[in-house]
């Protein structure tokens, strides 16, 4: 699930940075990025939570919400390298899934 969200983030970032959905004049692409970021974070957390819940993962929301928010925050700091989104999402989903597993 984390890898899929990472690929989706990479695609959204590349779409915005290519100028296909915005103009490079004024605040066009930056405005599109700033509006897309929270929408993607919320949508990613909700989709991740439902996907993990459908797989009967215990504590699915405790995995999906923090992993998605931390991954999106990390990728904002690594903005020049959007391909790392794939690895960040996958690693954080795996790490938090292990940490929240029932013992």
N, C-alpha and C. Protein backbone atom coordinates (compact mmCIF):
# COMPACT_ATOMS: atom_id res chain seq x y z
N UNK A 1 0.83 -1.19 0.00
CA UNK A 1 0.00 0.00 0.00
C UNK A 1 0.87 1.25 0.00
N UNK A 2 1.91 1.23 0.81
CA UNK A 2 2.80 2.38 0.87
C UNK A 2 3.51 2.63 -0.45
N UNK A 3 3.91 1.57 -1.11
CA UNK A 3 4.57 1.74 -2.40
C UNK A 3 3.62 2.32 -3.44
N UNK A 4 2.37 1.89 -3.42
CA UNK A 4 1.38 2.44 -4.34
C UNK A 4 1.17 3.93 -4.10
N UNK A 5 1.07 4.33 -2.83
CA UNK A 5 0.90 5.75 -2.52
C UNK A 5 2.13 6.55 -2.91
N UNK A 6 3.31 5.96 -2.76
CA UNK A 6 4.53 6.63 -3.20
C UNK A 6 4.55 6.86 -4.70
N UNK A 7 4.12 5.87 -5.46
CA UNK A 7 4.04 6.03 -6.91
C UNK A 7 3.00 7.08 -7.30
N UNK A 8 1.89 7.10 -6.57
CA UNK A 8 0.86 8.11 -6.85
C UNK A 8 1.39 9.51 -6.56
N UNK A 9 2.13 9.67 -5.46
CA UNK A 9 2.71 10.97 -5.13
C UNK A 9 3.68 11.41 -6.22
N UNK A 10 4.51 10.51 -6.66
CA UNK A 10 5.49 10.81 -7.69
C UNK A 10 4.77 11.27 -8.97
N UNK A 11 3.71 10.58 -9.33
CA UNK A 11 2.95 10.96 -10.52
C UNK A 11 2.30 12.32 -10.38
N UNK A 12 1.71 12.60 -9.22
CA UNK A 12 1.08 13.90 -8.99
C UNK A 12 2.12 15.01 -9.04
N UNK A 13 3.27 14.79 -8.41
CA UNK A 13 4.32 15.80 -8.40
C UNK A 13 4.84 16.06 -9.81
N UNK A 14 5.05 15.01 -10.58
CA UNK A 14 5.54 15.18 -11.95
C UNK A 14 4.50 15.88 -12.83
N UNK A 15 3.23 15.58 -12.61
CA UNK A 15 2.17 16.24 -13.37
C UNK A 15 2.15 17.74 -13.09
N UNK A 16 2.28 18.10 -11.83
CA UNK A 16 2.28 19.52 -11.47
C UNK A 16 3.54 20.21 -11.98
N UNK A 17 4.70 19.58 -11.80
CA UNK A 17 5.95 20.23 -12.19
C UNK A 17 6.12 20.31 -13.70
N UNK A 18 5.39 19.50 -14.47
CA UNK A 18 5.48 19.58 -15.92
C UNK A 18 4.70 20.77 -16.48
N UNK A 19 3.81 21.33 -15.69
CA UNK A 19 3.01 22.45 -16.15
C UNK A 19 1.76 22.04 -16.91
N UNK A 20 1.44 20.75 -16.88
CA UNK A 20 0.26 20.26 -17.60
C UNK A 20 -1.05 20.71 -16.96
N UNK A 21 -1.04 20.94 -15.65
CA UNK A 21 -2.27 21.31 -14.95
C UNK A 21 -2.22 22.73 -14.39
N UNK A 22 -1.15 23.46 -14.70
CA UNK A 22 -1.01 24.82 -14.17
C UNK A 22 -0.14 25.64 -15.13
N UNK A 23 -0.05 26.92 -14.85
CA UNK A 23 0.83 27.78 -15.64
C UNK A 23 2.03 28.14 -14.78
N UNK A 24 3.12 28.48 -15.42
CA UNK A 24 4.32 28.86 -14.69
C UNK A 24 4.33 30.35 -14.36
N UNK A 25 3.27 31.04 -14.68
CA UNK A 25 3.18 32.47 -14.38
C UNK A 25 2.65 32.66 -12.97
N UNK A 26 3.08 33.72 -12.33
CA UNK A 26 2.67 34.08 -10.98
C UNK A 26 2.86 32.91 -10.03
N UNK A 27 1.82 32.52 -9.34
CA UNK A 27 1.90 31.44 -8.36
C UNK A 27 1.22 30.17 -8.86
N UNK A 28 1.01 30.04 -10.16
CA UNK A 28 0.24 28.94 -10.73
C UNK A 28 0.61 27.56 -10.26
N UNK A 29 1.83 27.11 -10.54
CA UNK A 29 2.23 25.74 -10.16
C UNK A 29 2.47 25.61 -8.67
N UNK A 30 3.00 26.65 -8.05
CA UNK A 30 3.18 26.60 -6.60
C UNK A 30 1.83 26.54 -5.89
N UNK A 31 0.88 27.32 -6.38
CA UNK A 31 -0.47 27.29 -5.81
C UNK A 31 -1.12 25.93 -5.99
N UNK A 32 -0.93 25.32 -7.15
CA UNK A 32 -1.48 23.98 -7.39
C UNK A 32 -0.84 22.96 -6.44
N UNK A 33 0.46 23.09 -6.22
CA UNK A 33 1.15 22.17 -5.32
C UNK A 33 0.67 22.35 -3.88
N UNK A 34 0.56 23.59 -3.44
CA UNK A 34 0.15 23.87 -2.06
C UNK A 34 -1.28 23.40 -1.81
N UNK A 35 -2.15 23.50 -2.79
CA UNK A 35 -3.53 23.01 -2.62
C UNK A 35 -3.61 21.49 -2.73
N UNK A 36 -2.76 20.90 -3.54
CA UNK A 36 -2.80 19.46 -3.74
C UNK A 36 -2.21 18.69 -2.56
N UNK A 37 -1.22 19.25 -1.91
CA UNK A 37 -0.52 18.55 -0.83
C UNK A 37 -1.44 18.09 0.29
N UNK A 38 -2.25 18.97 0.91
CA UNK A 38 -3.12 18.47 1.99
C UNK A 38 -4.22 17.53 1.49
N UNK A 39 -4.71 17.77 0.28
CA UNK A 39 -5.73 16.89 -0.28
C UNK A 39 -5.15 15.49 -0.48
N UNK A 40 -3.92 15.43 -1.00
CA UNK A 40 -3.28 14.14 -1.21
C UNK A 40 -3.00 13.45 0.13
N UNK A 41 -2.58 14.20 1.13
CA UNK A 41 -2.29 13.61 2.44
C UNK A 41 -3.54 12.99 3.05
N UNK A 42 -4.64 13.70 3.02
CA UNK A 42 -5.89 13.18 3.60
C UNK A 42 -6.40 11.99 2.77
N UNK A 43 -6.41 12.13 1.45
CA UNK A 43 -6.89 11.05 0.59
C UNK A 43 -6.01 9.80 0.74
N UNK A 44 -4.69 10.00 0.83
CA UNK A 44 -3.78 8.87 1.00
C UNK A 44 -3.99 8.15 2.31
N UNK A 45 -4.19 8.91 3.38
CA UNK A 45 -4.42 8.30 4.69
C UNK A 45 -5.74 7.53 4.71
N UNK A 46 -6.77 8.09 4.12
CA UNK A 46 -8.08 7.42 4.09
C UNK A 46 -8.02 6.17 3.22
N UNK A 47 -7.43 6.28 2.03
CA UNK A 47 -7.32 5.11 1.15
C UNK A 47 -6.46 4.03 1.79
N UNK A 48 -5.35 4.43 2.41
CA UNK A 48 -4.49 3.47 3.09
C UNK A 48 -5.20 2.78 4.24
N UNK A 49 -5.95 3.55 5.01
CA UNK A 49 -6.69 2.98 6.14
C UNK A 49 -7.74 1.98 5.68
N UNK A 50 -8.51 2.34 4.64
CA UNK A 50 -9.52 1.41 4.15
C UNK A 50 -8.91 0.18 3.51
N UNK A 51 -7.81 0.36 2.78
CA UNK A 51 -7.16 -0.79 2.15
C UNK A 51 -6.61 -1.75 3.20
N UNK A 52 -5.97 -1.21 4.22
CA UNK A 52 -5.45 -2.07 5.28
C UNK A 52 -6.57 -2.71 6.09
N UNK A 53 -7.65 -1.97 6.29
CA UNK A 53 -8.81 -2.51 7.02
C UNK A 53 -9.45 -3.66 6.25
N UNK A 54 -9.51 -3.52 4.91
CA UNK A 54 -10.10 -4.60 4.10
C UNK A 54 -9.23 -5.86 4.11
N UNK A 55 -7.94 -5.68 4.38
CA UNK A 55 -7.04 -6.82 4.50
C UNK A 55 -7.01 -7.38 5.92
N UNK A 56 -7.91 -6.84 6.76
CA UNK A 56 -8.05 -7.27 8.15
C UNK A 56 -6.78 -7.06 8.98
N UNK A 57 -6.10 -5.94 8.70
CA UNK A 57 -4.93 -5.56 9.49
C UNK A 57 -5.44 -4.92 10.78
N UNK A 58 -4.99 -5.45 11.92
CA UNK A 58 -5.40 -4.84 13.17
C UNK A 58 -4.73 -3.47 13.29
N UNK A 59 -5.45 -2.53 13.84
CA UNK A 59 -4.96 -1.17 14.01
C UNK A 59 -4.60 -0.52 12.67
N UNK A 60 -5.43 -0.72 11.68
CA UNK A 60 -5.15 -0.21 10.33
C UNK A 60 -5.01 1.30 10.32
N UNK A 61 -5.84 2.00 11.06
CA UNK A 61 -5.78 3.47 11.05
C UNK A 61 -4.54 3.97 11.77
N UNK A 62 -4.06 3.21 12.77
CA UNK A 62 -2.83 3.60 13.45
C UNK A 62 -1.61 3.41 12.56
N UNK A 63 -1.76 2.66 11.50
CA UNK A 63 -0.69 2.50 10.51
C UNK A 63 -0.83 3.56 9.42
N UNK A 64 -2.02 3.70 8.87
CA UNK A 64 -2.21 4.53 7.69
C UNK A 64 -2.05 6.02 7.95
N UNK A 65 -2.64 6.53 8.98
CA UNK A 65 -2.63 7.99 9.20
C UNK A 65 -1.23 8.51 9.51
N UNK A 66 -0.53 7.99 10.52
CA UNK A 66 0.80 8.54 10.79
C UNK A 66 1.80 8.28 9.67
N UNK A 67 1.73 7.10 9.05
CA UNK A 67 2.68 6.80 7.97
C UNK A 67 2.50 7.75 6.80
N UNK A 68 1.26 8.01 6.43
CA UNK A 68 1.01 8.92 5.32
C UNK A 68 1.43 10.34 5.65
N UNK A 69 1.08 10.81 6.83
CA UNK A 69 1.45 12.18 7.20
C UNK A 69 2.95 12.35 7.32
N UNK A 70 3.64 11.37 7.89
CA UNK A 70 5.10 11.47 7.98
C UNK A 70 5.76 11.38 6.62
N UNK A 71 5.23 10.54 5.74
CA UNK A 71 5.80 10.41 4.41
C UNK A 71 5.61 11.68 3.60
N UNK A 72 4.43 12.28 3.67
CA UNK A 72 4.19 13.53 2.93
C UNK A 72 5.08 14.64 3.48
N UNK A 73 5.21 14.73 4.79
CA UNK A 73 6.09 15.74 5.38
C UNK A 73 7.53 15.53 4.97
N UNK A 74 8.00 14.30 4.98
CA UNK A 74 9.37 13.99 4.57
C UNK A 74 9.58 14.36 3.11
N UNK A 75 8.59 14.08 2.27
CA UNK A 75 8.77 14.38 0.85
C UNK A 75 8.73 15.87 0.56
N UNK A 76 8.10 16.66 1.40
CA UNK A 76 8.16 18.10 1.22
C UNK A 76 9.59 18.59 1.46
N UNK A 77 10.25 18.00 2.44
CA UNK A 77 11.64 18.37 2.71
C UNK A 77 12.58 17.83 1.63
N UNK A 78 12.21 16.75 0.98
CA UNK A 78 13.01 16.17 -0.10
C UNK A 78 12.41 16.51 -1.46
N UNK A 79 11.93 17.73 -1.61
CA UNK A 79 11.17 18.12 -2.78
C UNK A 79 11.95 17.97 -4.08
N UNK A 80 13.24 18.14 -4.04
CA UNK A 80 14.04 18.02 -5.26
C UNK A 80 14.20 16.60 -5.76
N UNK A 81 13.78 15.62 -4.97
CA UNK A 81 13.95 14.22 -5.34
C UNK A 81 12.63 13.47 -5.14
N UNK A 82 11.63 13.71 -5.98
CA UNK A 82 10.32 13.09 -5.77
C UNK A 82 10.30 11.58 -5.93
N UNK A 83 11.30 11.01 -6.59
CA UNK A 83 11.34 9.56 -6.75
C UNK A 83 11.55 8.85 -5.42
N UNK A 84 12.03 9.57 -4.41
CA UNK A 84 12.20 8.96 -3.09
C UNK A 84 10.87 8.73 -2.39
N UNK A 85 9.79 9.32 -2.92
CA UNK A 85 8.47 9.11 -2.34
C UNK A 85 8.08 7.65 -2.28
N UNK A 86 8.43 6.92 -3.30
CA UNK A 86 8.14 5.48 -3.34
C UNK A 86 8.77 4.79 -2.14
N UNK A 87 10.06 5.02 -1.91
CA UNK A 87 10.77 4.36 -0.82
C UNK A 87 10.29 4.85 0.54
N UNK A 88 10.01 6.15 0.66
CA UNK A 88 9.58 6.71 1.94
C UNK A 88 8.24 6.12 2.35
N UNK A 89 7.27 6.12 1.44
CA UNK A 89 5.96 5.56 1.76
C UNK A 89 6.07 4.08 2.11
N UNK A 90 6.78 3.31 1.32
CA UNK A 90 6.89 1.88 1.57
C UNK A 90 7.58 1.60 2.90
N UNK A 91 8.66 2.32 3.19
CA UNK A 91 9.39 2.09 4.44
C UNK A 91 8.56 2.48 5.65
N UNK A 92 7.88 3.61 5.59
CA UNK A 92 7.10 4.05 6.75
C UNK A 92 5.89 3.16 6.99
N UNK A 93 5.22 2.72 5.94
CA UNK A 93 4.10 1.80 6.14
C UNK A 93 4.60 0.50 6.76
N UNK A 94 5.73 0.01 6.30
CA UNK A 94 6.27 -1.24 6.85
C UNK A 94 6.69 -1.06 8.30
N UNK A 95 7.39 0.03 8.59
CA UNK A 95 7.86 0.27 9.96
C UNK A 95 6.70 0.44 10.93
N UNK A 96 5.72 1.23 10.58
CA UNK A 96 4.62 1.47 11.50
C UNK A 96 3.73 0.23 11.61
N UNK A 97 3.63 -0.57 10.56
CA UNK A 97 2.88 -1.82 10.66
C UNK A 97 3.53 -2.76 11.67
N UNK A 98 4.85 -2.80 11.66
CA UNK A 98 5.56 -3.66 12.63
C UNK A 98 5.41 -3.11 14.04
N UNK A 99 5.53 -1.79 14.20
CA UNK A 99 5.46 -1.20 15.53
C UNK A 99 4.07 -1.29 16.16
N UNK A 100 3.03 -1.30 15.36
CA UNK A 100 1.68 -1.36 15.90
C UNK A 100 1.09 -2.76 15.90
N UNK A 101 1.87 -3.75 15.52
CA UNK A 101 1.36 -5.14 15.49
C UNK A 101 1.04 -5.60 16.90
N UNK A 102 0.01 -6.41 17.00
CA UNK A 102 -0.35 -6.96 18.30
C UNK A 102 0.69 -7.98 18.73
N UNK A 103 0.92 -8.02 19.98
CA UNK A 103 1.96 -8.93 20.49
C UNK A 103 1.34 -10.06 21.25
